[in-house]
Protein backbone atom coordinates (compact mmCIF):
# COMPACT_ATOMS: atom_id res chain seq x y z
CA UNK A 1 -11.21 17.21 10.48
CA UNK A 2 -11.94 14.18 8.32
CA UNK A 3 -9.82 11.22 9.34
CA UNK A 4 -9.30 7.48 9.17
CA UNK A 5 -10.73 5.81 12.26
CA UNK A 6 -9.57 2.30 11.41
CA UNK A 7 -7.59 0.43 8.78
CA UNK A 8 -8.89 -3.11 8.26
CA UNK A 9 -7.59 -6.13 6.38
CA UNK A 10 -8.61 -9.77 6.20
CA UNK A 11 -8.31 -11.66 9.47
CA UNK A 12 -9.05 -15.07 8.04
CA UNK A 13 -10.77 -16.70 5.11
CA UNK A 14 -14.17 -18.01 6.16
CA UNK A 15 -16.09 -20.88 4.66
CA UNK A 16 -18.99 -19.67 2.55
CA UNK A 17 -21.86 -21.46 0.83
CA UNK A 18 -21.40 -19.47 -2.38
CA UNK A 19 -19.67 -20.65 -5.55
CA UNK A 20 -16.16 -19.66 -4.42
CA UNK A 21 -16.41 -21.67 -1.20
CA UNK A 22 -14.61 -19.10 0.96
CA UNK A 23 -14.88 -15.38 1.60
CA UNK A 24 -12.40 -12.70 2.67
CA UNK A 25 -15.09 -10.37 4.01
CA UNK A 26 -13.80 -10.85 7.59
CA UNK A 27 -11.84 -7.58 7.81
CA UNK A 28 -10.59 -6.35 11.19
CA UNK A 29 -8.63 -3.31 12.38
CA UNK A 30 -4.84 -3.44 12.29
CA UNK A 31 -3.03 -1.42 14.95
CA UNK A 32 -0.11 -0.30 12.81
CA UNK A 33 0.64 1.57 9.61
CA UNK A 34 0.16 -0.46 6.43
CA UNK A 35 1.47 0.26 2.97
CA UNK A 36 -1.03 0.66 0.15
CA UNK A 37 -0.09 -0.34 -3.37
CA UNK A 38 -2.18 -0.24 -6.58
CA UNK A 39 -3.95 -3.49 -5.63
CA UNK A 40 -4.67 -2.50 -2.04
CA UNK A 41 -3.47 -2.92 1.51
CA UNK A 42 -0.38 -4.94 2.27
CA UNK A 43 -1.51 -8.36 3.50
CA UNK A 44 -5.11 -8.04 2.36
CA UNK A 45 -6.74 -10.48 -0.07
CA UNK A 46 -10.00 -11.00 -1.94
CA UNK A 47 -11.47 -14.47 -2.42
CA UNK A 48 -13.78 -13.56 -5.33
CA UNK A 49 -11.52 -11.48 -7.56
CA UNK A 50 -14.09 -11.32 -10.34
CA UNK A 51 -16.30 -9.02 -8.24
CA UNK A 52 -13.90 -7.62 -5.62
CA UNK A 53 -10.43 -6.17 -5.60
CA UNK A 54 -8.28 -5.25 -8.55
CA UNK A 55 -7.03 -1.78 -9.39
CA UNK A 56 -10.57 -0.34 -9.63
CA UNK A 57 -11.54 -1.64 -6.20
CA UNK A 58 -8.23 -1.58 -4.36
CA UNK A 59 -9.83 -0.23 -1.18
CA UNK A 60 -13.35 0.00 0.20
CA UNK A 61 -14.25 2.97 2.42
CA UNK A 62 -17.23 3.24 4.73
CA UNK A 63 -18.18 6.19 6.89
CA UNK A 64 -18.55 5.79 10.63
CA UNK A 65 -21.59 8.07 10.47
CA UNK A 66 -23.34 5.58 8.19
CA UNK A 67 -22.24 2.67 10.37
CA UNK A 68 -23.81 4.50 13.34
CA UNK A 69 -27.06 4.77 11.39
CA UNK A 70 -27.08 1.02 10.83
CA UNK A 71 -26.18 0.37 14.46
CA UNK A 72 -29.35 2.22 15.42
CA UNK A 73 -31.49 0.48 12.82
CA UNK A 74 -30.24 -3.01 13.61
CA UNK A 75 -29.76 -2.46 17.34
CA UNK A 76 -26.29 -3.98 17.26
CA UNK A 77 -22.73 -2.77 17.07
CA UNK A 78 -21.22 -2.21 13.63
CA UNK A 79 -17.50 -2.39 14.41
CA UNK A 80 -14.91 -1.32 11.86
CA UNK A 81 -14.49 -4.02 9.23
CA UNK A 82 -17.88 -5.70 9.71
CA UNK A 83 -19.07 -4.50 6.29
CA UNK A 84 -15.83 -5.70 4.72
CA UNK A 85 -14.40 -2.19 4.53
CA UNK A 86 -10.70 -1.44 4.53
CA UNK A 87 -11.08 2.15 5.69
CA UNK A 88 -13.55 3.36 8.32
CA UNK A 89 -13.71 7.14 8.02
CA UNK A 90 -15.01 9.98 10.19
CA UNK A 91 -16.07 13.45 9.11
CA UNK A 92 -16.01 12.55 5.41
CA UNK A 93 -19.09 12.41 3.17
CA UNK A 94 -18.18 9.13 1.47
CA UNK A 95 -21.55 8.68 -0.24
CA UNK A 96 -21.62 12.33 -1.30
CA UNK A 97 -18.25 12.00 -3.04
CA UNK A 98 -18.26 12.47 -6.80
CA UNK A 99 -17.15 9.60 -9.00
CA UNK A 100 -13.54 10.51 -9.77
CA UNK A 101 -13.05 12.60 -6.64
CA UNK A 102 -9.57 12.33 -5.12
CA UNK A 103 -8.57 12.17 -1.47
CA UNK A 104 -5.14 12.66 0.07
CA UNK A 105 -4.71 10.45 3.13
CA UNK A 106 -1.88 11.17 5.53
CA UNK A 107 1.39 12.38 4.04
CA UNK A 108 1.66 10.19 0.94
CA UNK A 109 -1.38 8.19 -0.08
CA UNK A 110 -3.74 9.55 -2.76
CA UNK A 111 -6.86 7.63 -3.78
CA UNK A 112 -9.68 8.13 -6.25
CA UNK A 113 -13.37 7.31 -5.81
CA UNK A 114 -14.30 4.85 -8.57
CA UNK A 115 -17.76 3.39 -7.92
CA UNK A 116 -20.26 2.47 -5.19
CA UNK A 117 -20.24 -0.90 -3.45
CA UNK A 118 -22.86 -3.32 -4.78
CA UNK A 119 -24.12 -5.55 -1.94
CA UNK A 120 -23.98 -9.28 -2.64
CA UNK A 121 -25.13 -12.61 -1.23
CA UNK A 122 -21.89 -12.98 0.73
CA UNK A 123 -22.69 -9.69 2.51
CA UNK A 124 -26.19 -11.02 3.24
CA UNK A 125 -24.76 -14.16 4.82
CA UNK A 126 -22.19 -12.13 6.74
CA UNK A 127 -24.83 -9.91 8.35
CA UNK A 128 -27.50 -12.56 8.98
CA UNK A 129 -30.20 -9.93 8.81
CA UNK A 130 -33.56 -10.53 7.06
CA UNK A 131 -33.65 -9.02 3.56
CA UNK A 132 -30.29 -7.39 4.24
CA UNK A 133 -29.25 -6.72 0.63
CA UNK A 134 -32.65 -5.19 -0.12
CA UNK A 135 -32.53 -3.00 3.00
CA UNK A 136 -28.93 -1.91 2.42
CA UNK A 137 -29.71 -1.00 -1.18
CA UNK A 138 -32.88 0.91 -0.34
CA UNK A 139 -31.12 3.06 2.24
CA UNK A 140 -28.57 4.36 -0.27
CA UNK A 141 -25.49 4.29 1.97
CA UNK A 142 -23.23 1.97 -0.08
CA UNK A 143 -19.77 3.30 0.69
CA UNK A 144 -17.16 3.79 -2.01
CA UNK A 145 -14.53 1.76 -3.80
CA UNK A 146 -11.21 3.49 -4.34
CA UNK A 147 -8.30 3.15 -6.73
CA UNK A 148 -4.77 4.10 -5.74
CA UNK A 149 -3.35 7.17 -7.49
CA UNK A 150 -0.22 7.38 -5.35
CA UNK A 151 0.98 4.59 -3.08
CA UNK A 152 1.78 5.28 0.55
CA UNK A 153 1.18 4.29 4.14
CA UNK A 154 -2.10 4.54 6.02
CA UNK A 155 -3.00 4.24 9.70
CA UNK A 156 -5.79 5.16 12.06
CA UNK A 157 -5.66 8.87 12.83
CA UNK A 158 -4.49 9.94 9.37
CA UNK A 159 -6.18 13.06 8.05
CA UNK A 160 -8.25 12.78 4.87
CA UNK A 161 -8.41 15.78 2.54
CA UNK A 162 -10.52 16.12 -0.61
CA UNK A 163 -7.99 17.43 -3.14
CA UNK A 164 -10.06 17.45 -6.36
CA UNK A 165 -13.57 16.95 -7.72
CA UNK A 166 -14.43 16.44 -11.40
CA UNK A 167 -17.46 18.73 -11.14
CA UNK A 168 -19.97 16.53 -12.99
CA UNK A 169 -22.20 16.20 -9.93
CA UNK A 170 -22.67 12.42 -10.05
CA UNK A 171 -22.04 11.09 -6.56
CA UNK A 172 -21.58 7.61 -5.17
CA UNK A 173 -25.06 7.75 -3.65
CA UNK A 174 -26.84 9.34 -6.62
CA UNK A 175 -25.49 6.72 -9.01
CA UNK A 176 -26.19 3.86 -6.61
CA UNK A 177 -29.78 4.90 -5.92
CA UNK A 178 -30.85 6.44 -9.21
CA UNK A 179 -28.47 5.88 -12.10
CA UNK A 180 -30.08 7.34 -15.21
CA UNK A 181 -29.26 8.63 -18.68
CA UNK A 182 -28.61 12.17 -17.47
CA UNK A 183 -25.99 10.98 -14.98
CA UNK A 184 -24.44 8.69 -17.58
CA UNK A 185 -24.23 11.61 -20.00
CA UNK A 186 -22.55 13.75 -17.34
CA UNK A 187 -19.97 11.07 -16.59
CA UNK A 188 -19.17 10.47 -20.25
CA UNK A 189 -18.85 14.20 -20.90
CA UNK A 190 -16.51 14.57 -17.93
CA UNK A 191 -14.28 11.81 -19.26
CA UNK A 192 -14.19 13.37 -22.74
CA UNK A 193 -13.10 16.63 -21.12
CA UNK A 194 -10.31 14.85 -19.24
CA UNK A 195 -11.81 15.41 -15.78
CA UNK A 196 -11.60 11.69 -14.91
CA UNK A 197 -11.10 8.23 -16.36
CA UNK A 198 -14.06 5.96 -15.75
CA UNK A 199 -13.17 2.47 -14.52
CA UNK A 200 -14.41 -0.64 -16.38
CA UNK A 201 -17.07 -1.28 -13.75
CA UNK A 202 -18.63 2.11 -14.43
CA UNK A 203 -18.52 1.62 -18.20
CA UNK A 204 -20.22 -1.74 -17.73
CA UNK A 205 -22.92 -0.14 -15.58
CA UNK A 206 -23.43 2.65 -18.12
CA UNK A 207 -23.70 0.09 -20.92
CA UNK A 208 -26.37 -1.88 -19.05
CA UNK A 209 -28.27 1.33 -18.36
CA UNK A 210 -28.22 2.32 -22.04
CA UNK A 211 -29.34 -1.16 -23.09
CA UNK A 212 -32.28 -1.14 -20.67
CA UNK A 213 -33.31 2.29 -21.91
CA UNK A 214 -33.24 1.14 -25.53
CA UNK A 215 -35.34 -1.90 -24.67
CA UNK A 216 -37.93 0.34 -23.01
CA UNK A 217 -38.00 2.71 -26.00
CA UNK A 218 -38.45 -0.20 -28.42
CA UNK A 219 -41.58 -1.43 -26.66
């Protein structure tokens, strides 16, 4: 059974050397049920709201199986929340989820996979590992951002069920590691057919991809 192992929200804002000055990446498990609304977990915050949070990135999910991989690679514990995730899952192929895939969590909550996590300098500083962003990107285990389709409570131990897939075949991992014109075409076609609604972050990524391709063709 796929389930939620931990629900994490910000413990405290930490000072950060980046442009914002603070970061809310310090997420830690909460030992009680929390309500989830369209902008995320009750009591959670994001310091840099330009790149994190909002309806498209209300929650961030990371699989315990992928955390275990990194624990082995880095020879250190990767406790729930260390990567800034809100939901640590077990038995769920987070990176293999299709963009637009929906999960039912517990009795009420329904979420939709919107886009992969893009590692940033704050994440690098958080981990204090050499070339961390480069290593994290190369491995192709980004975890998934989620929007909230139906609000509800969530707690550790809740079952997670995949309730729908758009069928276009573009997964969190495939887009993160190898976004190309064919995948962009598949996503756009799926939206035209009403299988999903792409979030602004995905449209922005598709636009950048198209622009790069045109620049290459013009050379």
